[in-house]
Each structure stands twice: as structure tokens, then as C-alpha cells.
Protein backbone atom coordinates (compact mmCIF):
# COMPACT_ATOMS: atom_id res chain seq x y z
CA MET A 1 1.02 2.57 -14.21
CA PRO A 2 3.08 3.35 -10.98
CA TYR A 3 3.30 1.34 -7.99
CA TYR A 4 3.51 1.48 -4.19
CA PHE A 5 4.75 -1.35 -1.97
CA ALA A 6 3.18 -1.17 1.39
CA TYR A 7 4.87 -3.38 4.52
CA GLY A 8 3.89 -1.38 7.58
CA SER A 9 0.80 0.46 8.62
CA ASN A 10 -0.02 1.52 4.86
CA MET A 11 -1.17 -2.25 4.64
CA ASN A 12 -4.38 -1.18 5.47
CA VAL A 13 -5.87 -0.35 2.44
CA ALA A 14 -8.85 1.83 4.31
CA ARG A 15 -5.37 4.34 5.68
CA VAL A 16 -4.38 4.42 2.07
CA ALA A 17 -7.26 5.23 0.73
CA ALA A 18 -7.98 8.00 3.51
CA ARG A 19 -4.37 9.32 2.35
CA ILE A 20 -4.19 9.35 -1.13
CA GLY A 21 -7.48 8.21 -2.31
CA ALA A 22 -8.83 5.54 -4.43
CA THR A 23 -6.04 3.19 -6.32
CA ARG A 24 -6.32 1.11 -9.10
CA ARG A 25 -5.96 -2.17 -7.41
CA THR A 26 -4.07 -3.80 -4.66
CA LEU A 27 -2.34 -7.54 -4.95
CA ALA A 28 0.02 -9.39 -2.45
CA GLY A 29 3.33 -8.94 -2.82
CA VAL A 30 7.02 -10.10 -1.73
CA LEU A 31 10.12 -8.05 -1.23
CA ARG A 32 13.04 -10.72 -1.32
CA ASP A 33 16.11 -10.18 0.06
CA TYR A 34 14.95 -7.71 2.86
CA ARG A 35 13.49 -8.64 6.22
CA LEU A 36 10.92 -6.48 8.22
CA THR A 37 12.51 -4.31 11.43
CA PHE A 38 10.57 -2.59 14.02
CA ASP A 39 13.57 -0.10 14.47
CA LYS A 40 12.37 3.56 12.68
CA ALA A 41 12.46 5.79 15.65
CA SER A 42 8.97 7.53 15.72
CA ARG A 43 8.34 10.90 17.50
CA VAL A 44 7.97 9.43 20.99
CA PRO A 45 10.49 7.58 22.92
CA GLY A 46 10.57 4.03 22.36
CA ILE A 47 8.07 3.64 19.90
CA ALA A 48 8.65 2.38 16.37
CA HIS A 49 7.20 2.75 12.93
CA ALA A 50 8.18 -0.36 10.61
CA ASN A 51 11.26 -0.64 8.19
CA VAL A 52 12.96 -3.09 5.87
CA VAL A 53 16.57 -3.53 5.90
CA VAL A 54 18.65 -5.48 3.35
CA THR A 55 19.10 -9.25 4.63
CA PRO A 56 19.83 -12.03 1.90
CA GLY A 57 17.56 -14.92 2.17
CA SER A 58 14.65 -13.15 3.88
CA ARG A 59 11.36 -11.82 2.62
CA VAL A 60 8.81 -9.36 3.53
CA GLU A 61 5.29 -9.69 2.35
CA GLY A 62 2.91 -6.61 1.90
CA ALA A 63 0.09 -4.72 -0.19
CA LEU A 64 1.18 -3.75 -3.62
CA PHE A 65 -0.91 -0.90 -4.98
CA GLU A 66 -1.40 0.19 -8.46
CA LEU A 67 -1.66 3.80 -8.15
CA MET A 68 -4.52 5.45 -10.47
CA SER A 69 -1.30 8.33 -11.20
CA PRO A 70 2.34 9.17 -10.67
CA ALA A 71 1.27 11.87 -8.42
CA GLN A 72 -0.47 9.46 -5.76
CA ILE A 73 2.99 8.66 -4.78
CA GLU A 74 3.92 12.10 -3.94
CA ALA A 75 1.00 12.84 -1.74
CA MET A 76 2.11 9.74 0.24
CA ASP A 77 5.54 11.36 0.91
CA PRO A 78 4.48 13.99 3.61
CA PHE A 79 2.60 10.94 5.81
CA GLU A 80 5.98 8.88 5.66
CA GLY A 81 8.24 12.05 5.76
CA HIS A 82 10.20 11.40 2.94
CA PRO A 83 12.88 12.72 2.48
CA HIS A 84 13.98 12.94 6.48
CA GLU A 85 12.50 10.24 7.63
CA TYR A 86 11.89 7.86 4.96
CA LEU A 87 13.74 7.76 1.58
CA ARG A 88 11.75 6.26 -1.39
CA ARG A 89 13.11 3.74 -3.85
CA ARG A 90 11.99 1.88 -6.37
CA LEU A 91 12.72 -2.03 -5.88
CA PRO A 92 11.39 -5.13 -7.47
CA ILE A 93 8.29 -6.68 -5.91
CA HIS A 94 7.10 -10.21 -6.85
CA THR A 95 3.50 -11.18 -7.22
CA ALA A 96 1.52 -13.44 -8.62
CA GLU A 97 1.38 -11.73 -11.95
CA GLY A 98 5.14 -11.29 -12.06
CA LEU A 99 7.91 -8.87 -10.75
CA ARG A 100 6.74 -5.36 -10.34
CA ASP A 101 8.87 -2.27 -9.69
CA ALA A 102 7.32 -0.12 -7.04
CA TRP A 103 8.19 2.33 -4.79
CA VAL A 104 9.39 1.53 -1.36
CA TYR A 105 9.78 3.61 1.87
CA LEU A 106 13.16 3.00 3.62
CA ALA A 107 14.30 4.52 7.00
CA ALA A 108 16.64 7.34 6.30
CA PRO A 109 20.22 7.18 7.49
CA GLY A 110 20.43 8.11 11.51
CA THR A 111 16.69 7.54 11.87
CA THR A 112 16.42 4.09 13.55
CA ALA A 113 17.27 2.64 17.04
CA GLU A 114 17.60 -0.33 19.04
CA ARG A 115 15.09 -1.90 21.62
CA LEU A 116 11.77 -0.16 20.09
CA ARG A 117 8.36 -1.46 20.01
CA PRO A 118 5.18 -0.45 17.95
CA ALA A 119 1.92 1.09 19.40
CA ARG A 120 -0.67 -1.66 19.37
CA GLU A 121 -2.93 0.83 17.36
CA TYR A 122 0.19 0.82 14.63
CA LEU A 123 0.35 -2.91 14.63
CA GLU A 124 -3.40 -3.25 13.87
CA HIS A 125 -2.97 -1.06 10.42
CA LEU A 126 -0.45 -3.78 9.51
CA LEU A 127 -2.70 -6.77 10.76
CA ALA A 128 -5.42 -5.52 8.54
CA GLY A 129 -2.87 -6.22 5.65
CA GLU A 130 -4.17 -10.10 6.14
CA PRO A 131 -5.98 -10.31 3.09
CA PHE A 132 -2.31 -9.97 1.24
CA LEU A 133 -0.53 -11.71 3.70
CA SER A 134 0.53 -15.72 4.07
CA PRO A 135 -1.27 -16.97 7.21
CA ASP A 136 2.51 -17.76 8.52
CA TYR A 137 3.05 -14.27 8.05
CA HIS A 138 0.05 -12.78 9.53
CA ALA A 139 0.75 -14.68 12.68
CA GLU A 140 4.48 -13.61 12.95
CA LEU A 141 3.07 -10.23 12.76
CA ALA A 142 0.12 -10.96 15.33
CA ARG A 143 3.18 -12.05 17.86
CA VAL A 144 5.02 -8.76 17.85
CA GLU A 145 5.35 -7.18 21.26
CA ALA A 146 3.27 -3.91 20.76
CA VAL A 147 2.88 -0.93 23.47
CA ALA A 148 -0.63 -0.79 24.62
CA ASP A 149 -2.62 1.95 26.23
CA LEU A 150 -1.38 4.84 24.76
CA ASP A 151 -3.53 7.90 25.34
CA GLU A 152 -5.06 10.34 22.46
CA MET A 153 -2.51 12.77 22.22
CA THR A 154 0.61 10.28 21.86
CA LEU A 155 -1.21 8.63 19.33
CA ALA A 156 -1.84 11.94 17.40
CA GLN A 157 2.15 12.14 17.78
CA LEU A 158 2.48 8.87 16.18
CA GLY A 159 0.21 9.90 13.35
CA LEU A 160 -2.62 7.97 14.61
CA SER A 161 -5.89 7.94 15.78
CA ARG A 162 -8.45 5.32 17.43
CA HIS A 163 -11.31 6.86 15.75
CA SER A 164 -9.75 7.64 11.84
CA PRO A 165 -8.04 5.17 9.58
CA ARG A 166 -6.05 7.67 8.34
């Protein structure tokens, strides 16, 4: 079965279900030799989405979804802006059950910037991944400086809503 590794807002299981339907199961996973960044530029100036960048010795924790069918990753592509905003690559994810090759979205070249911060509502989706994260990693995410009090129109531009997990 195919796997999808989420390190950003898709760590929220409800968000993934709203986007691509039910998955077989979800496991804790670790992407080694990468680090989490908030440098993927969004449609709103100054606001970031999550990204992972190669960094030897670092690690990114996240949710590993075992998909019901290969078509589910293609259904996720429009939400991730593949192939213009994010590229999809197969990378090895470490789990308690061993290594699993999984689809991972990486920011496309030319789509990142410095000094960006995530929206508070976006960061809340990452924090919803708590069941798949170590306490230290979750605490580190909770300390990320985020932009609060964005209006509904701005949230919609970011693909966010205070009223829907999607």
C-alpha cells in the first residue's frame, strides 16, 4: 500500500479525511536528515507554510498515513499545489514497524522566502498531530511564533477556515 508522510497542516487527521477520505491507518513517523522550516511562501505576504529541507543529523516528526489507494495521493496534489508550489517525492520514513517509503511534499524551487511566519490557524493543524509526535517535538511546535487574528478572507486565501478542518 502507498504511504503519505505529513509534517505540516496535514498532521491533522480530520483535515486529511476531509481532503482525501478515509485512510487505512496513521502511524508516527520520522524523516531523518531533514528539518522543519516555515519558509514556504503562501499567497499572503509574510505568511508561511511548512517545508522540510535537507539537514544532516536533524529529524522531522509527523503523521504517516497508509492510504487506501494510490489515487488518494493524487487527490491530495491540488491541496498541496503540486507540481508548482510543492513537489512530491518518495522518501524513507522511520516508524516503530520499520522503514516505509512514503510520498512527501517539498517546496518547489523559487517558492521559499526568509522571515515568514505561519498563521495561528495553520499552526493549530500541526499541533493537532500531537498523537504522532514526541512531547519535546510537540512543545517545540507550540513555541513557533505565529500570526494571529487574520480575517476570514485572508484565511480563505491561505486555504484555512475557523469553521472547517479542510
